[in-house]
Amino acid sequence: GHGETPVPHGDKPHDDEEASVSGTVGVVAICAFAMLGGTLLMLVVTIPPKVEAATQNFSAGILFAAIAGELFPLLHGTHGGSDEEAGTKTFGMLCGFGLGIV
Protein backbone atom coordinates (compact mmCIF):
# COMPACT_ATOMS: atom_id res chain seq x y z
CA GLY A 1 0.00 0.00 0.00
CA HIS A 2 0.84 3.65 0.22
CA GLY A 3 2.13 4.03 3.81
CA GLU A 4 4.44 0.98 3.86
CA THR A 5 8.18 1.32 4.22
CA PRO A 6 10.10 -0.65 1.61
CA VAL A 7 12.29 -3.42 3.02
CA PRO A 8 15.86 -3.45 1.69
CA HIS A 9 16.99 -6.54 -0.17
CA GLY A 10 19.74 -7.30 2.38
CA ASP A 11 17.27 -7.86 5.24
CA LYS A 12 15.68 -10.96 3.72
CA PRO A 13 17.39 -14.23 4.65
CA HIS A 14 18.77 -16.06 1.65
CA ASP A 15 18.61 -19.79 1.11
CA ASP A 16 22.37 -20.01 1.75
CA GLU A 17 22.04 -18.31 5.15
CA GLU A 18 19.18 -20.60 6.16
CA ALA A 19 21.16 -23.65 5.06
CA SER A 20 24.23 -22.60 7.03
CA VAL A 21 22.17 -21.93 10.16
CA SER A 22 20.40 -25.28 9.92
CA GLY A 23 23.73 -27.01 9.27
CA THR A 24 25.26 -25.33 12.31
CA VAL A 25 22.32 -26.32 14.49
CA GLY A 26 22.66 -29.89 13.24
CA VAL A 27 26.36 -30.07 14.09
CA VAL A 28 25.77 -28.54 17.52
CA ALA A 29 22.91 -30.96 18.17
CA ILE A 30 25.09 -33.95 17.28
CA CYS A 31 27.77 -32.77 19.71
CA ALA A 32 25.24 -32.08 22.45
CA PHE A 33 23.62 -35.50 22.11
CA ALA A 34 27.03 -37.20 22.03
CA MET A 35 27.95 -35.46 25.30
CA LEU A 36 24.61 -36.38 26.82
CA GLY A 37 25.03 -40.01 25.74
CA GLY A 38 28.55 -40.15 27.14
CA THR A 39 27.37 -38.69 30.44
CA LEU A 40 24.55 -41.20 30.72
CA LEU A 41 26.93 -44.03 29.82
CA MET A 42 29.34 -42.97 32.57
CA LEU A 43 26.54 -43.29 35.12
CA VAL A 44 26.48 -47.02 34.36
CA VAL A 45 30.06 -47.85 33.32
CA THR A 46 33.14 -47.45 35.51
CA ILE A 47 36.44 -46.58 33.82
CA PRO A 48 39.51 -48.39 35.18
CA PRO A 49 41.92 -46.05 36.99
CA LYS A 50 44.77 -46.79 34.53
CA VAL A 51 42.62 -45.78 31.55
CA GLU A 52 41.52 -42.63 33.36
CA ALA A 53 45.14 -41.74 34.18
CA ALA A 54 46.22 -42.42 30.59
CA THR A 55 43.47 -40.15 29.27
CA GLN A 56 44.46 -37.37 31.66
CA ASN A 57 48.13 -37.68 30.66
CA PHE A 58 47.18 -37.60 26.98
CA SER A 59 45.16 -34.42 27.57
CA ALA A 60 48.07 -32.85 29.43
CA GLY A 61 50.37 -33.74 26.54
CA ILE A 62 48.06 -32.02 24.08
CA LEU A 63 48.01 -28.92 26.31
CA PHE A 64 51.80 -28.83 26.59
CA ALA A 65 52.13 -29.28 22.82
CA ALA A 66 49.81 -26.34 22.21
CA ILE A 67 51.76 -24.16 24.62
CA ALA A 68 55.06 -25.22 23.05
CA GLY A 69 53.65 -24.33 19.65
CA GLU A 70 52.94 -20.83 20.91
CA LEU A 71 56.33 -20.43 22.59
CA PHE A 72 58.48 -21.92 19.82
CA PRO A 73 58.49 -18.81 17.60
CA LEU A 74 59.70 -16.78 20.59
CA LEU A 75 62.40 -19.30 21.43
CA HIS A 76 63.45 -19.62 17.79
CA GLY A 77 63.68 -15.87 17.29
CA THR A 78 61.15 -15.60 14.45
CA HIS A 79 59.04 -13.04 16.29
CA GLY A 80 60.62 -10.04 14.64
CA GLY A 81 62.24 -8.53 17.76
CA SER A 82 65.62 -8.71 19.43
CA ASP A 83 66.98 -11.86 21.09
CA GLU A 84 66.95 -10.16 24.49
CA GLU A 85 63.31 -9.22 24.04
CA ALA A 86 62.47 -12.80 23.00
CA GLY A 87 64.21 -14.20 26.08
CA THR A 88 62.39 -11.79 28.38
CA LYS A 89 59.01 -12.56 26.86
CA THR A 90 59.64 -16.30 26.95
CA PHE A 91 60.76 -16.16 30.58
CA GLY A 92 57.68 -14.13 31.47
CA MET A 93 55.37 -16.54 29.66
CA LEU A 94 56.97 -19.54 31.37
CA CYS A 95 56.64 -17.89 34.80
CA GLY A 96 53.01 -17.00 34.10
CA PHE A 97 52.26 -20.52 32.92
CA GLY A 98 53.99 -22.01 35.98
CA LEU A 99 52.05 -19.78 38.35
CA GLY A 100 48.84 -20.62 36.52
CA ILE A 101 49.39 -24.31 37.13
CA VAL A 102 50.07 -23.79 40.84
C-alpha atoms as a PDB file:
ATOM      1  CA  GLY A   1       0.000   0.000   0.000  1.00  0.00           C
ATOM      2  CA  HIS A   2       0.837   3.647   0.225  1.00  0.00           C
ATOM      3  CA  GLY A   3       2.132   4.028   3.813  1.00  0.00           C
ATOM      4  CA  GLU A   4       4.441   0.985   3.860  1.00  0.00           C
ATOM      5  CA  THR A   5       8.177   1.316   4.220  1.00  0.00           C
ATOM      6  CA  PRO A   6      10.098  -0.652   1.613  1.00  0.00           C
ATOM      7  CA  VAL A   7      12.287  -3.420   3.019  1.00  0.00           C
ATOM      8  CA  PRO A   8      15.865  -3.445   1.688  1.00  0.00           C
ATOM      9  CA  HIS A   9      16.994  -6.539  -0.170  1.00  0.00           C
ATOM     10  CA  GLY A  10      19.735  -7.296   2.383  1.00  0.00           C
ATOM     11  CA  ASP A  11      17.271  -7.863   5.241  1.00  0.00           C
ATOM     12  CA  LYS A  12      15.682 -10.963   3.721  1.00  0.00           C
ATOM     13  CA  PRO A  13      17.394 -14.226   4.646  1.00  0.00           C
ATOM     14  CA  HIS A  14      18.765 -16.058   1.651  1.00  0.00           C
ATOM     15  CA  ASP A  15      18.611 -19.793   1.113  1.00  0.00           C
ATOM     16  CA  ASP A  16      22.373 -20.010   1.749  1.00  0.00           C
ATOM     17  CA  GLU A  17      22.040 -18.310   5.154  1.00  0.00           C
ATOM     18  CA  GLU A  18      19.183 -20.596   6.164  1.00  0.00           C
ATOM     19  CA  ALA A  19      21.163 -23.653   5.063  1.00  0.00           C
ATOM     20  CA  SER A  20      24.235 -22.596   7.031  1.00  0.00           C
ATOM     21  CA  VAL A  21      22.169 -21.935  10.164  1.00  0.00           C
ATOM     22  CA  SER A  22      20.396 -25.281   9.925  1.00  0.00           C
ATOM     23  CA  GLY A  23      23.726 -27.011   9.271  1.00  0.00           C
ATOM     24  CA  THR A  24      25.259 -25.332  12.308  1.00  0.00           C
ATOM     25  CA  VAL A  25      22.318 -26.317  14.491  1.00  0.00           C
ATOM     26  CA  GLY A  26      22.657 -29.891  13.239  1.00  0.00           C
ATOM     27  CA  VAL A  27      26.357 -30.075  14.087  1.00  0.00           C
ATOM     28  CA  VAL A  28      25.770 -28.540  17.515  1.00  0.00           C
ATOM     29  CA  ALA A  29      22.906 -30.959  18.168  1.00  0.00           C
ATOM     30  CA  ILE A  30      25.086 -33.946  17.277  1.00  0.00           C
ATOM     31  CA  CYS A  31      27.774 -32.768  19.708  1.00  0.00           C
ATOM     32  CA  ALA A  32      25.242 -32.079  22.447  1.00  0.00           C
ATOM     33  CA  PHE A  33      23.623 -35.502  22.108  1.00  0.00           C
ATOM     34  CA  ALA A  34      27.027 -37.202  22.028  1.00  0.00           C
ATOM     35  CA  MET A  35      27.954 -35.461  25.297  1.00  0.00           C
ATOM     36  CA  LEU A  36      24.614 -36.383  26.822  1.00  0.00           C
ATOM     37  CA  GLY A  37      25.026 -40.007  25.735  1.00  0.00           C
ATOM     38  CA  GLY A  38      28.552 -40.150  27.138  1.00  0.00           C
ATOM     39  CA  THR A  39      27.369 -38.693  30.435  1.00  0.00           C
ATOM     40  CA  LEU A  40      24.549 -41.204  30.725  1.00  0.00           C
ATOM     41  CA  LEU A  41      26.927 -44.027  29.821  1.00  0.00           C
ATOM     42  CA  MET A  42      29.345 -42.968  32.572  1.00  0.00           C
ATOM     43  CA  LEU A  43      26.538 -43.293  35.123  1.00  0.00           C
ATOM     44  CA  VAL A  44      26.481 -47.017  34.357  1.00  0.00           C
ATOM     45  CA  VAL A  45      30.062 -47.850  33.317  1.00  0.00           C
ATOM     46  CA  THR A  46      33.137 -47.450  35.509  1.00  0.00           C
ATOM     47  CA  ILE A  47      36.437 -46.575  33.824  1.00  0.00           C
ATOM     48  CA  PRO A  48      39.508 -48.395  35.178  1.00  0.00           C
ATOM     49  CA  PRO A  49      41.923 -46.051  36.986  1.00  0.00           C
ATOM     50  CA  LYS A  50      44.766 -46.793  34.526  1.00  0.00           C
ATOM     51  CA  VAL A  51      42.622 -45.779  31.553  1.00  0.00           C
ATOM     52  CA  GLU A  52      41.519 -42.633  33.357  1.00  0.00           C
ATOM     53  CA  ALA A  53      45.136 -41.737  34.180  1.00  0.00           C
ATOM     54  CA  ALA A  54      46.217 -42.418  30.593  1.00  0.00           C
ATOM     55  CA  THR A  55      43.466 -40.149  29.270  1.00  0.00           C
ATOM     56  CA  GLN A  56      44.464 -37.373  31.659  1.00  0.00           C
ATOM     57  CA  ASN A  57      48.129 -37.684  30.662  1.00  0.00           C
ATOM     58  CA  PHE A  58      47.176 -37.603  26.979  1.00  0.00           C
ATOM     59  CA  SER A  59      45.159 -34.416  27.572  1.00  0.00           C
ATOM     60  CA  ALA A  60      48.070 -32.847  29.431  1.00  0.00           C
ATOM     61  CA  GLY A  61      50.373 -33.735  26.537  1.00  0.00           C
ATOM     62  CA  ILE A  62      48.059 -32.016  24.080  1.00  0.00           C
ATOM     63  CA  LEU A  63      48.006 -28.921  26.312  1.00  0.00           C
ATOM     64  CA  PHE A  64      51.797 -28.825  26.588  1.00  0.00           C
ATOM     65  CA  ALA A  65      52.133 -29.285  22.820  1.00  0.00           C
ATOM     66  CA  ALA A  66      49.806 -26.338  22.206  1.00  0.00           C
ATOM     67  CA  ILE A  67      51.760 -24.160  24.625  1.00  0.00           C
ATOM     68  CA  ALA A  68      55.062 -25.217  23.055  1.00  0.00           C
ATOM     69  CA  GLY A  69      53.651 -24.331  19.651  1.00  0.00           C
ATOM     70  CA  GLU A  70      52.936 -20.832  20.908  1.00  0.00           C
ATOM     71  CA  LEU A  71      56.332 -20.434  22.594  1.00  0.00           C
ATOM     72  CA  PHE A  72      58.476 -21.920  19.823  1.00  0.00           C
ATOM     73  CA  PRO A  73      58.491 -18.808  17.603  1.00  0.00           C
ATOM     74  CA  LEU A  74      59.703 -16.779  20.592  1.00  0.00           C
ATOM     75  CA  LEU A  75      62.402 -19.295  21.429  1.00  0.00           C
ATOM     76  CA  HIS A  76      63.448 -19.622  17.793  1.00  0.00           C
ATOM     77  CA  GLY A  77      63.684 -15.868  17.291  1.00  0.00           C
ATOM     78  CA  THR A  78      61.146 -15.602  14.454  1.00  0.00           C
ATOM     79  CA  HIS A  79      59.037 -13.044  16.294  1.00  0.00           C
ATOM     80  CA  GLY A  80      60.619 -10.041  14.637  1.00  0.00           C
ATOM     81  CA  GLY A  81      62.240  -8.530  17.757  1.00  0.00           C
ATOM     82  CA  SER A  82      65.618  -8.711  19.430  1.00  0.00           C
ATOM     83  CA  ASP A  83      66.978 -11.856  21.088  1.00  0.00           C
ATOM     84  CA  GLU A  84      66.947 -10.158  24.489  1.00  0.00           C
ATOM     85  CA  GLU A  85      63.307  -9.224  24.039  1.00  0.00           C
ATOM     86  CA  ALA A  86      62.474 -12.796  23.003  1.00  0.00           C
ATOM     87  CA  GLY A  87      64.209 -14.197  26.084  1.00  0.00           C
ATOM     88  CA  THR A  88      62.395 -11.790  28.384  1.00  0.00           C
ATOM     89  CA  LYS A  89      59.015 -12.563  26.857  1.00  0.00           C
ATOM     90  CA  THR A  90      59.645 -16.301  26.951  1.00  0.00           C
ATOM     91  CA  PHE A  91      60.758 -16.159  30.579  1.00  0.00           C
ATOM     92  CA  GLY A  92      57.677 -14.128  31.470  1.00  0.00           C
ATOM     93  CA  MET A  93      55.374 -16.536  29.665  1.00  0.00           C
ATOM     94  CA  LEU A  94      56.966 -19.538  31.366  1.00  0.00           C
ATOM     95  CA  CYS A  95      56.635 -17.887  34.797  1.00  0.00           C
ATOM     96  CA  GLY A  96      53.014 -17.001  34.099  1.00  0.00           C
ATOM     97  CA  PHE A  97      52.257 -20.516  32.922  1.00  0.00           C
ATOM     98  CA  GLY A  98      53.990 -22.015  35.977  1.00  0.00           C
ATOM     99  CA  LEU A  99      52.047 -19.777  38.348  1.00  0.00           C
ATOM    100  CA  GLY A 100      48.842 -20.623  36.518  1.00  0.00           C
ATOM    101  CA  ILE A 101      49.391 -24.314  37.132  1.00  0.00           C
ATOM    102  CA  VAL A 102      50.065 -23.792  40.838  1.00  0.00           C
END
